[in-house]
Protein backbone atom coordinates (compact mmCIF):
# COMPACT_ATOMS: atom_id res chain seq x y z
CA MET A 1 108.95 213.74 82.21
CA GLN A 2 105.79 212.91 80.31
CA GLN A 3 105.28 215.48 77.57
CA SER A 4 102.02 217.04 76.42
CA ASN A 5 100.59 216.46 72.96
CA THR A 6 99.89 220.18 72.69
CA GLU A 7 102.57 222.81 72.11
CA THR A 8 102.21 225.77 74.45
CA GLY A 9 103.35 229.32 73.77
CA VAL A 10 106.64 230.21 75.42
CA LEU A 11 105.67 233.58 76.99
CA MET A 12 104.19 234.04 80.46
CA LEU A 13 102.90 237.55 81.13
CA ASP A 14 100.90 239.35 83.82
CA LEU A 15 97.73 241.44 84.09
CA LYS A 16 97.16 245.01 85.23
CA GLY A 17 94.34 244.50 87.68
CA LEU A 18 91.39 242.48 88.93
CA ASN A 19 89.92 241.69 85.50
CA VAL A 20 91.12 240.74 82.06
CA GLU A 21 91.03 243.96 80.03
CA SER A 22 90.14 243.91 76.33
CA GLY A 23 93.72 244.44 75.14
CA GLU A 24 94.94 241.77 77.52
CA ARG A 25 92.33 239.33 76.24
CA GLU A 26 93.72 239.72 72.73
CA LEU A 27 97.25 238.99 73.99
CA LEU A 28 96.12 235.95 76.00
CA MET A 29 94.56 234.46 72.87
CA HIS A 30 97.82 234.78 70.94
CA PRO A 31 99.53 231.41 70.31
CA GLN A 32 102.89 232.74 71.56
CA VAL A 33 101.39 233.28 75.05
CA GLY A 34 101.29 230.19 77.22
CA GLY A 35 100.82 231.45 80.75
CA VAL A 36 99.79 234.18 83.18
CA ILE A 37 101.41 235.01 86.51
CA LEU A 38 99.23 236.70 89.14
CA PHE A 39 100.31 239.23 91.77
CA ALA A 40 98.72 240.83 94.84
CA ARG A 41 97.25 243.58 92.63
CA ASN A 42 95.21 240.88 90.85
CA TYR A 43 93.55 239.73 94.06
CA ALA A 44 90.65 241.22 96.03
CA SER A 45 88.77 238.14 97.23
CA ALA A 46 88.56 234.41 96.71
CA GLN A 47 85.47 234.76 94.51
CA GLN A 48 87.08 237.49 92.41
CA LEU A 49 90.15 235.25 91.96
CA GLU A 50 87.99 232.35 90.80
CA ASP A 51 86.23 234.63 88.30
CA LEU A 52 89.54 236.05 87.06
CA VAL A 53 91.07 232.62 86.49
CA ALA A 54 87.91 231.50 84.67
CA ALA A 55 88.17 234.56 82.40
CA ILE A 56 91.83 233.76 81.69
CA LYS A 57 91.00 230.17 80.83
CA GLN A 58 88.18 231.33 78.53
CA CYS A 59 90.84 232.99 76.38
CA ASN A 60 92.70 229.68 76.10
CA ASP A 61 92.10 226.68 78.34
CA HIS A 62 95.73 225.63 77.90
CA LEU A 63 97.03 228.81 79.60
CA LEU A 64 99.09 228.04 82.70
CA VAL A 65 98.04 230.22 85.65
CA ALA A 66 100.83 230.77 88.18
CA VAL A 67 101.56 232.70 91.35
CA ASP A 68 104.27 233.05 94.00
CA GLN A 69 102.53 231.70 97.10
CA GLU A 70 105.58 230.58 99.10
CA GLY A 71 104.47 231.89 102.49
CA GLY A 72 106.00 234.49 104.77
CA ARG A 73 106.73 237.76 102.94
CA VAL A 74 106.19 236.14 99.52
CA GLN A 75 102.47 235.37 99.48
CA ARG A 76 100.34 237.16 96.88
CA PHE A 77 96.87 236.07 98.06
CA ARG A 78 96.25 236.75 101.76
CA GLU A 79 92.71 237.70 102.77
CA GLU A 80 90.51 234.54 102.89
CA PHE A 81 93.65 232.40 102.39
CA LEU A 82 95.80 230.60 104.94
CA THR A 83 98.61 232.77 106.29
CA LEU A 84 101.45 230.48 105.27
CA PRO A 85 104.65 230.40 107.31
CA PRO A 86 108.01 231.23 105.72
CA LEU A 87 109.89 228.09 104.71
CA ARG A 88 112.49 228.80 107.37
CA ALA A 89 109.80 228.09 110.02
CA ILE A 90 109.47 224.57 108.58
CA GLY A 91 113.24 224.23 108.68
CA ILE A 92 113.28 225.17 112.36
CA GLU A 93 110.58 222.57 113.01
CA TYR A 94 112.82 220.00 111.29
CA GLU A 95 115.79 221.01 113.44
CA LYS A 96 113.70 220.38 116.57
CA ASN A 97 112.37 217.03 115.33
CA ARG A 98 113.27 215.62 111.93
CA GLU A 99 110.12 213.51 111.40
CA GLN A 100 107.80 216.29 112.53
CA GLY A 101 109.60 218.74 110.27
CA LEU A 102 109.22 216.52 107.22
CA ALA A 103 105.55 215.91 108.00
CA ALA A 104 105.06 219.68 108.40
CA ALA A 105 106.70 220.36 105.03
CA LYS A 106 104.44 217.87 103.28
CA LEU A 107 101.26 219.09 104.97
CA CYS A 108 102.00 222.81 104.44
CA ALA A 109 102.77 222.19 100.77
CA TRP A 110 99.60 220.13 100.28
CA ALA A 111 97.45 222.84 101.89
CA MET A 112 99.07 225.65 99.88
CA ALA A 113 98.54 223.75 96.63
CA ALA A 114 95.04 222.46 97.36
CA GLU A 115 93.80 225.92 98.33
CA LEU A 116 95.12 227.52 95.14
CA MET A 117 93.64 224.76 93.02
CA GLN A 118 90.23 225.46 94.59
CA TYR A 119 90.19 228.67 92.57
CA GLY A 120 91.70 227.36 89.35
CA VAL A 121 95.35 228.37 89.87
CA ASP A 122 97.67 225.75 88.37
CA ILE A 123 100.99 226.34 90.14
CA SER A 124 102.81 228.26 92.76
CA PHE A 125 106.47 228.73 91.87
CA ALA A 126 107.70 226.62 94.79
CA PRO A 127 109.67 225.40 96.61
CA VAL A 128 112.65 227.67 97.15
CA LEU A 129 115.70 225.38 97.24
CA ASP A 130 118.20 228.14 97.96
CA LEU A 131 120.23 228.06 101.16
CA PHE A 132 119.40 230.19 104.16
CA ASP A 133 121.86 232.95 104.93
CA VAL A 134 120.97 235.67 107.40
CA ASN A 135 122.91 238.17 105.24
CA SER A 136 120.95 237.47 102.06
CA PRO A 137 118.14 240.05 101.97
CA VAL A 138 116.34 238.56 98.97
CA ILE A 139 116.30 234.92 100.19
CA LYS A 140 116.90 234.74 103.95
CA GLU A 141 113.80 233.19 105.61
CA ARG A 142 112.41 232.08 102.25
CA ALA A 143 114.81 229.11 102.55
CA PHE A 144 114.40 226.02 104.74
CA SER A 145 117.97 225.85 106.04
CA GLY A 146 121.57 226.84 105.45
CA ASP A 147 122.59 223.18 105.07
CA GLY A 148 122.27 221.74 101.57
CA ALA A 149 121.43 218.17 102.60
CA THR A 150 118.74 219.43 104.97
CA VAL A 151 117.20 221.65 102.28
CA GLY A 152 117.21 218.67 99.92
CA GLU A 153 115.44 216.40 102.38
CA ILE A 154 112.80 218.95 103.41
CA GLY A 155 112.42 219.98 99.78
CA LEU A 156 111.56 216.43 98.76
CA ALA A 157 108.83 216.28 101.42
CA TYR A 158 107.46 219.65 100.29
CA ILE A 159 107.43 218.53 96.64
CA GLU A 160 105.62 215.34 97.64
CA GLY A 161 102.94 217.41 99.38
CA MET A 162 102.41 219.64 96.35
CA GLN A 163 102.22 216.71 93.97
CA ASP A 164 99.87 214.85 96.30
CA ALA A 165 97.49 217.80 95.91
CA GLY A 166 97.87 217.65 92.13
CA MET A 167 100.23 220.60 91.66
CA ALA A 168 103.53 220.46 89.80
CA ALA A 169 106.59 221.66 91.74
CA THR A 170 109.16 224.24 90.58
CA GLY A 171 112.54 224.44 92.32
CA LYS A 172 114.16 227.86 92.43
CA HIS A 173 116.61 229.58 91.99
CA PHE A 174 119.07 227.23 90.28
CA PRO A 175 121.99 226.83 90.95
CA GLY A 176 121.51 228.84 94.17
CA HIS A 177 120.70 232.44 95.13
CA GLY A 178 121.21 232.29 98.89
CA ARG A 179 124.93 233.09 99.05
CA VAL A 180 124.84 236.45 97.25
CA LEU A 181 123.99 239.73 98.95
CA ALA A 182 122.69 241.63 95.93
CA ASP A 183 118.99 241.48 95.00
CA SER A 184 118.61 240.53 91.34
CA HIS A 185 115.39 242.57 91.14
CA TYR A 186 117.52 245.72 91.39
CA GLN A 187 121.08 244.78 90.36
CA LEU A 188 123.05 241.98 88.74
CA PRO A 189 124.52 239.76 91.48
CA THR A 190 127.90 238.12 90.91
CA ASP A 191 129.08 234.96 92.64
CA MET A 192 132.84 234.45 92.30
CA ARG A 193 132.97 230.85 93.53
CA SER A 194 134.19 228.00 91.37
CA LEU A 195 131.88 225.30 90.07
CA ASP A 196 133.37 222.82 92.54
CA GLU A 197 132.58 225.15 95.45
CA ILE A 198 129.00 225.58 94.22
CA ARG A 199 128.62 221.80 93.76
CA GLU A 200 129.56 221.28 97.39
CA ASP A 201 127.10 223.89 98.63
CA ASP A 202 124.14 225.41 96.74
CA LEU A 203 123.76 222.63 94.18
CA ILE A 204 123.20 219.91 96.78
CA PRO A 205 119.42 220.52 97.22
CA PHE A 206 118.80 220.68 93.47
CA ALA A 207 120.70 217.44 92.88
CA ALA A 208 118.75 215.78 95.71
CA CYS A 209 115.37 216.85 94.31
CA ILE A 210 116.10 216.64 90.58
CA ARG A 211 114.13 213.45 89.89
CA SER A 212 111.06 214.73 91.76
CA LEU A 213 110.86 218.28 90.41
CA ASP A 214 108.55 219.08 87.51
CA ALA A 215 110.23 222.41 86.75
CA ILE A 216 113.19 224.60 87.66
CA MET A 217 113.69 228.37 87.60
CA PRO A 218 117.31 229.53 87.18
CA ALA A 219 118.72 232.55 89.00
CA HIS A 220 119.57 235.90 87.42
CA ILE A 221 123.10 235.60 88.83
CA VAL A 222 126.45 235.56 87.03
CA TYR A 223 129.02 232.98 88.11
CA PRO A 224 132.09 234.24 86.20
CA GLU A 225 134.21 231.20 87.06
CA VAL A 226 131.64 229.05 85.23
CA ASP A 227 130.20 231.23 82.44
CA GLU A 228 129.95 234.89 81.41
CA HIS A 229 126.15 234.73 81.18
CA CYS A 230 123.81 234.63 84.18
CA ALA A 231 122.44 231.15 84.85
CA GLY A 232 119.09 231.77 83.14
CA PHE A 233 120.86 232.76 79.90
CA SER A 234 123.60 230.14 80.07
CA LYS A 235 123.91 226.98 77.98
CA VAL A 236 126.68 225.92 80.33
CA TRP A 237 124.30 225.89 83.30
CA ILE A 238 121.10 224.79 81.55
CA GLU A 239 122.15 222.44 78.75
CA GLY A 240 125.44 221.35 80.25
CA LEU A 241 124.86 220.97 83.97
CA LEU A 242 121.08 220.85 84.41
CA ARG A 243 120.04 218.85 81.35
CA SER A 244 123.10 216.72 80.56
CA GLU A 245 124.84 216.17 83.89
CA LEU A 246 121.88 216.13 86.27
CA GLY A 247 119.55 214.58 83.69
CA PHE A 248 116.68 217.01 84.23
CA ASP A 249 113.95 216.69 81.58
CA GLY A 250 111.28 218.94 83.07
CA VAL A 251 110.21 222.49 82.36
CA ILE A 252 112.67 225.37 82.74
CA PHE A 253 111.15 228.79 83.42
CA SER A 254 113.20 231.94 83.11
CA ASP A 255 112.93 234.32 86.02
CA ASP A 256 111.29 237.63 85.15
CA LEU A 257 113.09 239.15 82.15
CA THR A 258 112.26 242.67 83.34
CA MET A 259 114.29 242.30 86.54
CA HIS A 260 117.28 244.64 86.60
CA ALA A 261 119.73 241.74 86.55
CA ALA A 262 118.39 240.62 83.17
CA HIS A 263 118.84 244.03 81.52
CA SER A 264 122.54 243.42 80.96
CA ALA A 265 121.53 241.09 78.12
CA GLY A 266 120.00 243.88 76.02
CA SER A 267 116.44 244.42 74.75
CA VAL A 268 113.55 242.23 75.87
CA ALA A 269 113.80 240.37 72.56
CA GLN A 270 117.53 239.76 73.09
CA ARG A 271 116.88 238.57 76.65
CA ALA A 272 114.19 236.17 75.45
CA ASP A 273 116.43 234.85 72.68
CA LEU A 274 119.23 234.21 75.15
CA ALA A 275 116.95 232.43 77.63
CA LEU A 276 115.21 230.31 75.00
CA GLY A 277 118.49 229.61 73.23
CA ALA A 278 120.04 228.45 76.50
CA GLY A 279 117.23 225.93 76.98
CA CYS A 280 114.38 227.68 78.83
CA ASP A 281 110.91 226.45 77.86
CA MET A 282 109.03 229.55 78.98
CA VAL A 283 110.08 233.15 79.62
CA LEU A 284 108.40 235.53 82.07
CA VAL A 285 107.81 239.23 81.37
CA CYS A 286 106.17 241.03 84.30
CA ASN A 287 105.15 244.59 85.15
CA GLN A 288 106.02 245.88 81.68
CA PRO A 289 102.96 245.43 79.41
CA GLU A 290 104.57 247.30 76.54
CA GLU A 291 107.56 244.94 76.60
CA ALA A 292 105.24 241.92 76.81
CA ALA A 293 103.33 243.10 73.73
CA GLU A 294 106.60 243.84 71.95
CA LEU A 295 107.86 240.35 72.71
CA VAL A 296 104.66 238.73 71.43
CA ARG A 297 105.16 240.51 68.11
CA TYR A 298 108.83 239.55 67.99
CA LEU A 299 108.23 235.88 68.77
CA ASP A 300 105.40 235.78 66.25
CA GLY A 301 107.60 237.32 63.57
CA LYS A 302 110.35 234.75 64.08
CA GLN A 303 107.77 231.93 64.31
CA GLN A 304 109.06 230.80 67.70
CA PRO A 305 107.99 227.18 68.22
CA GLY A 306 106.05 226.32 71.36
CA SER A 307 107.01 223.80 74.03
CA ASN A 308 105.36 220.43 74.58
CA ARG A 309 106.63 220.30 78.17
CA ILE A 310 104.61 223.21 79.62
CA GLY A 311 101.20 221.53 79.36
CA CYS A 312 102.31 219.03 82.00
CA MET A 313 102.37 221.86 84.56
CA LEU A 314 98.60 222.31 84.50
CA ALA A 315 96.84 221.35 87.75
CA LYS A 316 95.75 217.73 87.98
CA ASN A 317 92.49 216.42 89.49
CA ALA A 318 91.49 219.78 90.97
CA SER A 319 87.94 218.48 91.45
CA LYS A 320 89.12 216.15 94.22
CA HIS A 321 89.42 219.18 96.52
CA ALA A 322 85.65 219.78 96.63
CA GLY A 323 84.76 220.25 100.27
CA LEU A 324 88.39 221.05 101.08
CA TYR A 325 87.66 223.41 103.95
CA GLU A 326 85.62 220.79 105.85
CA SER A 327 88.14 217.95 105.45
CA ASP A 328 90.07 216.55 108.41
CA ARG A 329 93.36 217.01 106.57
CA TRP A 330 92.62 220.70 105.97
CA LEU A 331 91.76 221.29 109.61
CA GLU A 332 95.01 219.57 110.65
CA ALA A 333 96.97 221.69 108.18
CA LYS A 334 95.28 224.88 109.38
CA GLU A 335 96.21 224.15 112.98
CA LEU A 336 99.82 223.41 112.04
CA ILE A 337 100.15 226.48 109.84
CA ASN A 338 98.67 228.76 112.50
CA ARG A 339 101.26 227.45 114.97
CA LEU A 340 104.20 227.85 112.55
CA SER A 341 103.12 231.32 111.44
CA VAL A 342 103.20 232.84 114.93
């Protein structure tokens, strides 16, 4: 991965509402802060979103602006945006006709990315490379398929579509969230399988996409047969398997450190230390502004160095999407997405 000449702060935080408040502006200007993740509460209209992103970038033009705009039930911006299908709908299209499914993955990804970039958003945390399992309430239809090779192939097409638009792609949730029943937002999931079993199942899509992905987000899941720490806090998973064995040199984002599954690691400072020490480049702290401010002070006090990888996640050539909504490719994508979203 080509690295940036500028070191970026390692903390990604969120905002309370539709504007950047004065206290938030001060935090966004702090060198330890490198990104902002937006949620549905931060969106009222396309114009308001454009103004909000511009205000964020005024604080620091190197700030990475992110969102979860997967489609289906995980889509933060809805009104005035395409109603994106869940990834499982693309997987079903693939199962009907492989070539049409791959073309659909690429076109849906391009449209999702191009539309976000219209308003200054740098990345959507996508694609999900977990495996579909009807019993997994947190993943389920967010995944393309229950077959690892199929997820890998569709995932590559989806990544190509995002990158064609100029958006970096983030695979989640390494090494696989789809086989556990517990939701890591509310409890700490445990997966008792051996590393060999995981290699032959959940890891297949990540291995298939590893050379194309710009970033990866590990899961807040413990795999006791592999390591005592959950994947996002584990040197075994991040330095050993992801960096050394798979050869991944891109950005590694922690999942949200305020999720219940992360609390087992202690205070927010302890969680951040574990994630950064394991090899994460950027840590996310969402929905807890007091903890975000606390972590800024802590990282500043310990003089936490920035990362020169994160800058490569900024959107590329966003200006090429001028006139997006009148383009033939957009109209084709809109027709496809309307059909898949039914």
